[in-house]
């Protein structure tokens, strides 16, 4: 195992990771995960998220380098990497009780302060009442907590979570997310969590990576990635609306785009300073509870807007009317 130049603040460093399975290609991926951070990989189903986790764990053999605490782990066997892995379908041992599942790693390795650790995990994840139950009699949320408990008990320095909340009842999701968030500091771990759920990423992550079609499109602090996508692919995946070329704003820059939140668009008859103003024609207005969904034609482009009903009082806009769209300059997100 060869050491390399590595920041003391970084735990995991991926360099040019490449893996091909059939027609699907993962890579080449390069990114870093800081020590004691919660890193979420966002992506659609089929983007290669599980394959990436398995490559980091050593379950899948991939080209490139995987540095962990400054050591190249690429050729290190799975069982010697000291990485915990929780799969989407839990993969618990059906012939063992909950307690035996959690303690399983003690069969093949020495667990430091195992009894104190076990008691703390049981209390932390609130599973005291199910320790002697059979796995087949557990709910999805209970199985998830047991799978997480088993992974923590092995004392990994890196915990890999594959869609950990997908099978959890929504009523328990918030409490489990809170538990996941607390694991990093409580058990001195770094977590990589893959999901397609933006809410999970927003609540849990210190940093986010967006993986689409086997390529890491963007990596950065959570707020920056979720609110400032670097390209159209990421913007569309994150659900950004009103994506148009910047030439509409008067910029002489081709192949650059901007987006604006439908809730940030207003209408009026007079131009105002400090805003982008476009003459438009109302194509369609749909009343939805307390707001209107408005589709407004500007040249060849159609803006989608959400306007609170109170903002339309006295204006009586209707299909076919000509008016102006206003967008505050601060509300424009450049892509």
Foldseek 3Di string as FASTA:
>chain_A
DDFDDDDQQWFKWWALKWDDDPPAIADGDTDTFTFLFEEEEAEDPPLCPVVVVCQQLVVDQIDGFIGGSRDTCNPPHNVPQLEFEAAQQRPFDQVAFLQCRLCVLVVPDPQPPLVVLLVVLCVLLVPPPRRGPGPVPDALSNSLSSSVSSRVSSLGQEYEYEQSCPRPDPVCVVVVLVSVQPCSVVRRHYYYHYDNDLVSCVSRGQKYWYGGSNYTQDIDGSVCCLPAPPAPVSCVSSPFFDKDACVLVVDPDPPKIKGFDQAQKAWAADDDPQKRKAKWFWAAWDDDVQWIFTWIDGPPDTHTHIGGPVRCVPVPDGHGDITMMIGHPVRMHID
